[in-house]
Amino acid sequence: MTADTPKTLFIACAALGREVKDIIRKNGWDAEFEAIDARLHMEPAKIGPAVEARLKQAHGKYQRIVVVYGHCGAFDLDGILEKYGAVRPAGPHCYEMFGGGEFVRAMEEEIGTFILTDYLVHAWEKFVVKGLKLDKHPELTELMFGNYRRMVYFSQEEDNADLLARAEEIAASLGLELDIRHVGYGDLERRLAAIMEDREQPVTSMTHDGFNAAAYPVAES
């Protein structure tokens, strides 16, 4: 490690890439950034190995490595991070990270809530429609979305007319009412700042410790 080597490496899911890079820039952190293909969420067993490959390459080159993933179905991830001395923001997924207390409220109001983020609005056609093959098998739409009762859009960019219009189209295509809530970077930014400042991360009642199937939120009745 040389004097001009960045002290921190952020390895992030590409679904959070734009936001993480902006958080780094806003805070003036001495850091480098690498992204991992967000499509691995379609095969979450591949997330851990993909992260470990990056950690092997970076091992010994940085004072701190931050892996920006939630649980995301990759149940081996926390063990891999511990092996390499890396850390990640608390939280089961980016919806809870962005939303924080707003995510808690949304789930308590209606457990049948589908959450949108800026990334998911941008990538809906590629990541959801084509990724889940709904374009070729539209009959699957009811199977995958039929139990949702509404759609809540946690926006990162405030008042982006193009994104808001696209979110309306997505909700209408599924026959869901759209509720727009601007949350910005929410607890994701606050948790990354806590990591960088060696402080305890802020959590909510739906931020679960323990990396297992029980980590996913269930609203209290």
Protein backbone atom coordinates (compact mmCIF):
# COMPACT_ATOMS: atom_id res chain seq x y z
CA MET A 1 0.00 0.00 0.00
CA THR A 2 1.45 3.35 -1.06
CA ALA A 3 0.78 6.81 0.31
CA ASP A 4 -1.43 7.74 -2.65
CA THR A 5 -3.54 4.56 -2.56
CA PRO A 6 -7.19 5.25 -1.62
CA LYS A 7 -7.89 4.14 1.92
CA THR A 8 -11.29 2.59 1.08
CA LEU A 9 -12.68 0.42 -1.69
CA PHE A 10 -16.43 0.29 -2.23
CA ILE A 11 -17.70 -2.83 -4.01
CA ALA A 12 -21.37 -2.32 -4.77
CA CYS A 13 -24.25 -3.93 -6.54
CA ALA A 14 -24.70 -1.98 -9.79
CA ALA A 15 -28.30 -1.27 -8.73
CA LEU A 16 -26.77 1.05 -6.11
CA GLY A 17 -23.80 2.18 -8.18
CA ARG A 18 -24.92 5.68 -9.14
CA GLU A 19 -26.05 6.46 -5.60
CA VAL A 20 -22.92 5.08 -3.91
CA LYS A 21 -20.62 7.01 -6.25
CA ASP A 22 -22.58 10.18 -5.54
CA ILE A 23 -22.41 9.57 -1.77
CA ILE A 24 -18.63 9.12 -2.04
CA ARG A 25 -18.33 12.34 -4.03
CA LYS A 26 -20.62 14.35 -1.71
CA ASN A 27 -18.66 13.31 1.37
CA GLY A 28 -15.23 13.73 -0.18
CA TRP A 29 -14.11 10.23 0.83
CA ASP A 30 -10.72 8.92 -0.31
CA ALA A 31 -12.14 5.88 -2.04
CA GLU A 32 -12.32 3.79 -5.18
CA PHE A 33 -15.45 2.15 -6.53
CA GLU A 34 -16.25 -1.12 -8.31
CA ALA A 35 -19.66 -2.44 -9.39
CA ILE A 36 -21.00 -5.97 -9.71
CA ASP A 37 -23.70 -6.79 -12.28
CA ALA A 38 -27.15 -6.27 -10.76
CA ARG A 39 -28.52 -9.16 -12.84
CA LEU A 40 -26.97 -11.55 -10.33
CA HIS A 41 -30.08 -10.94 -8.24
CA MET A 42 -31.76 -13.33 -10.67
CA GLU A 43 -29.29 -15.99 -9.46
CA PRO A 44 -28.39 -14.91 -5.90
CA ALA A 45 -26.17 -17.94 -5.29
CA LYS A 46 -23.68 -16.25 -7.64
CA ILE A 47 -23.48 -13.00 -5.63
CA GLY A 48 -21.20 -14.38 -2.90
CA PRO A 49 -18.63 -15.86 -5.34
CA ALA A 50 -18.65 -12.66 -7.42
CA VAL A 51 -18.00 -10.55 -4.33
CA GLU A 52 -15.29 -12.94 -3.10
CA ALA A 53 -13.48 -12.72 -6.44
CA ARG A 54 -13.30 -8.94 -6.05
CA LEU A 55 -12.20 -9.24 -2.42
CA LYS A 56 -9.36 -11.58 -3.39
CA GLN A 57 -8.12 -9.06 -5.94
CA ALA A 58 -8.30 -6.19 -3.45
CA HIS A 59 -6.94 -8.01 -0.40
CA GLY A 60 -4.10 -6.09 1.26
CA LYS A 61 -4.44 -3.06 -1.00
CA TYR A 62 -6.86 -0.99 1.09
CA GLN A 63 -7.32 -0.08 4.73
CA ARG A 64 -11.06 -0.69 4.48
CA ILE A 65 -13.34 -2.51 2.05
CA VAL A 66 -17.07 -1.78 2.09
CA VAL A 67 -19.37 -4.15 0.22
CA VAL A 68 -22.67 -2.44 -0.54
CA TYR A 69 -25.20 -5.27 -0.63
CA GLY A 70 -28.14 -6.24 1.49
CA HIS A 71 -29.00 -9.86 2.22
CA CYS A 72 -30.44 -10.23 -1.27
CA GLY A 73 -30.77 -14.01 -0.96
CA ALA A 74 -26.97 -14.50 -0.85
CA PHE A 75 -26.86 -16.32 2.47
CA ASP A 76 -23.10 -16.95 2.31
CA LEU A 77 -22.20 -13.27 1.91
CA ASP A 78 -21.62 -12.25 5.52
CA GLY A 79 -19.30 -15.21 6.06
CA ILE A 80 -17.28 -14.19 3.01
CA LEU A 81 -17.04 -10.60 4.24
CA GLU A 82 -15.83 -11.75 7.65
CA LYS A 83 -13.18 -13.92 6.00
CA TYR A 84 -11.68 -10.88 4.25
CA GLY A 85 -12.33 -8.31 6.97
CA ALA A 86 -14.83 -6.42 4.81
CA VAL A 87 -18.00 -4.74 6.08
CA ARG A 88 -21.39 -3.87 4.62
CA PRO A 89 -24.25 -1.52 5.50
CA ALA A 90 -26.90 -3.06 7.73
CA GLY A 91 -30.20 -4.06 6.17
CA PRO A 92 -31.94 -6.85 4.28
CA HIS A 93 -32.13 -5.03 0.93
CA CYS A 94 -31.83 -1.62 -0.72
CA TYR A 95 -35.53 -0.82 -0.18
CA GLU A 96 -35.05 -0.88 3.58
CA MET A 97 -31.70 0.94 3.25
CA PHE A 98 -33.17 3.78 1.22
CA GLY A 99 -36.49 3.92 3.03
CA GLY A 100 -35.43 3.56 6.65
CA GLY A 101 -38.42 4.50 8.81
CA GLU A 102 -40.48 5.12 5.68
CA PHE A 103 -40.00 1.49 4.68
CA VAL A 104 -41.24 0.40 8.11
CA ARG A 105 -44.33 2.57 7.72
CA ALA A 106 -45.02 1.29 4.20
CA MET A 107 -44.89 -2.35 5.29
CA GLU A 108 -47.02 -1.72 8.38
CA GLU A 109 -49.61 0.08 6.28
CA GLU A 110 -49.81 -2.64 3.63
CA ILE A 111 -47.68 -5.78 3.56
CA GLY A 112 -48.69 -6.27 -0.07
CA THR A 113 -46.52 -3.34 -1.17
CA PHE A 114 -44.14 -3.50 -4.12
CA ILE A 115 -41.27 -1.02 -3.80
CA LEU A 116 -39.72 0.90 -6.68
CA THR A 117 -36.41 2.81 -6.63
CA ASP A 118 -34.88 5.07 -9.26
CA TYR A 119 -32.75 2.20 -10.53
CA LEU A 120 -35.70 -0.16 -10.83
CA VAL A 121 -37.72 2.45 -12.72
CA HIS A 122 -34.80 2.97 -15.13
CA ALA A 123 -34.20 -0.76 -15.56
CA TRP A 124 -37.77 -2.06 -15.40
CA GLU A 125 -37.96 -3.27 -18.99
CA LYS A 126 -34.55 -4.96 -18.96
CA PHE A 127 -34.43 -6.16 -15.37
CA VAL A 128 -38.06 -7.11 -14.71
CA VAL A 129 -39.99 -7.52 -17.97
CA LYS A 130 -37.23 -9.21 -19.96
CA GLY A 131 -35.31 -10.52 -16.96
CA LEU A 132 -38.35 -12.43 -15.72
CA LYS A 133 -39.40 -13.23 -19.32
CA LEU A 134 -42.72 -11.49 -18.90
CA ASP A 135 -42.43 -10.25 -22.48
CA LYS A 136 -42.47 -13.83 -23.72
CA HIS A 137 -44.79 -15.23 -21.05
CA PRO A 138 -47.19 -12.43 -20.00
CA GLU A 139 -49.33 -14.99 -18.18
CA LEU A 140 -46.62 -15.01 -15.49
CA THR A 141 -47.39 -11.40 -14.56
CA GLU A 142 -50.41 -12.35 -12.46
CA LEU A 143 -48.48 -15.16 -10.80
CA MET A 144 -45.62 -12.84 -9.79
CA PHE A 145 -47.52 -9.64 -9.00
CA GLY A 146 -51.09 -10.75 -8.30
CA ASN A 147 -50.77 -10.57 -4.52
CA TYR A 148 -49.50 -6.99 -4.43
CA ARG A 149 -52.03 -4.34 -3.45
CA ARG A 150 -50.10 -1.17 -4.22
CA MET A 151 -46.77 0.19 -5.44
CA VAL A 152 -44.65 2.65 -3.44
CA TYR A 153 -41.92 4.55 -5.24
CA PHE A 154 -38.99 5.50 -3.00
CA SER A 155 -37.43 8.14 -5.22
CA GLN A 156 -33.80 9.18 -4.97
CA GLU A 157 -34.05 12.06 -7.46
CA GLU A 158 -36.71 14.52 -6.40
CA ASP A 159 -39.18 15.79 -9.01
CA ASN A 160 -37.66 13.96 -11.99
CA ALA A 161 -40.61 14.17 -14.37
CA ASP A 162 -39.39 11.37 -16.65
CA LEU A 163 -38.94 8.92 -13.78
CA LEU A 164 -42.26 9.86 -12.20
CA ALA A 165 -44.06 9.35 -15.53
CA ARG A 166 -42.38 5.98 -16.05
CA ALA A 167 -43.28 4.90 -12.50
CA GLU A 168 -46.92 5.77 -13.24
CA GLU A 169 -46.77 3.62 -16.37
CA ILE A 170 -45.28 0.69 -14.47
CA ALA A 171 -47.93 0.85 -11.74
CA ALA A 172 -50.72 1.14 -14.32
CA SER A 173 -49.38 -1.86 -16.24
CA LEU A 174 -49.81 -3.95 -13.09
CA GLY A 175 -53.11 -2.39 -12.07
CA LEU A 176 -51.62 -0.99 -8.87
CA GLU A 177 -52.10 2.36 -7.16
CA LEU A 178 -48.85 4.35 -7.02
CA ASP A 179 -47.68 6.16 -3.87
CA ILE A 180 -44.61 8.37 -4.40
CA ARG A 181 -42.35 9.09 -1.42
CA HIS A 182 -39.09 10.96 -1.85
CA VAL A 183 -36.48 9.44 0.47
CA GLY A 184 -33.22 10.41 -1.25
CA TYR A 185 -30.36 8.16 -0.16
CA GLY A 186 -31.93 7.67 3.27
CA ASP A 187 -30.34 5.23 5.66
CA LEU A 188 -27.97 3.97 2.96
CA GLU A 189 -26.00 7.22 3.13
CA ARG A 190 -26.29 7.39 6.91
CA ARG A 191 -25.03 3.81 7.30
CA LEU A 192 -22.12 4.29 4.92
CA ALA A 193 -21.16 7.46 6.80
CA ALA A 194 -21.27 5.54 10.08
CA ILE A 195 -18.96 2.86 8.62
CA MET A 196 -16.50 5.50 7.40
CA GLU A 197 -16.55 7.24 10.79
CA ASP A 198 -16.36 3.98 12.79
CA ARG A 199 -19.74 4.65 14.39
CA GLU A 200 -22.70 2.37 15.04
CA GLN A 201 -25.02 2.23 12.05
CA PRO A 202 -28.58 3.55 12.40
CA VAL A 203 -31.21 0.81 12.22
CA THR A 204 -34.99 0.44 12.19
CA SER A 205 -37.34 -2.18 13.57
CA MET A 206 -37.01 -3.98 10.23
CA THR A 207 -33.22 -3.98 10.10
CA HIS A 208 -32.44 -7.57 11.02
CA ASP A 209 -29.18 -9.03 12.29
CA GLY A 210 -28.39 -12.59 11.35
CA PHE A 211 -28.03 -13.49 7.68
CA ASN A 212 -30.75 -16.07 7.11
CA ALA A 213 -34.26 -16.44 5.81
CA ALA A 214 -35.65 -14.83 8.97
CA ALA A 215 -33.97 -11.55 7.96
CA TYR A 216 -36.75 -10.57 5.61
CA PRO A 217 -39.33 -8.20 7.09
CA VAL A 218 -42.81 -9.20 8.18
CA ALA A 219 -45.10 -6.41 9.31
CA GLU A 220 -46.57 -6.70 12.75
CA SER A 221 -50.33 -7.33 12.75
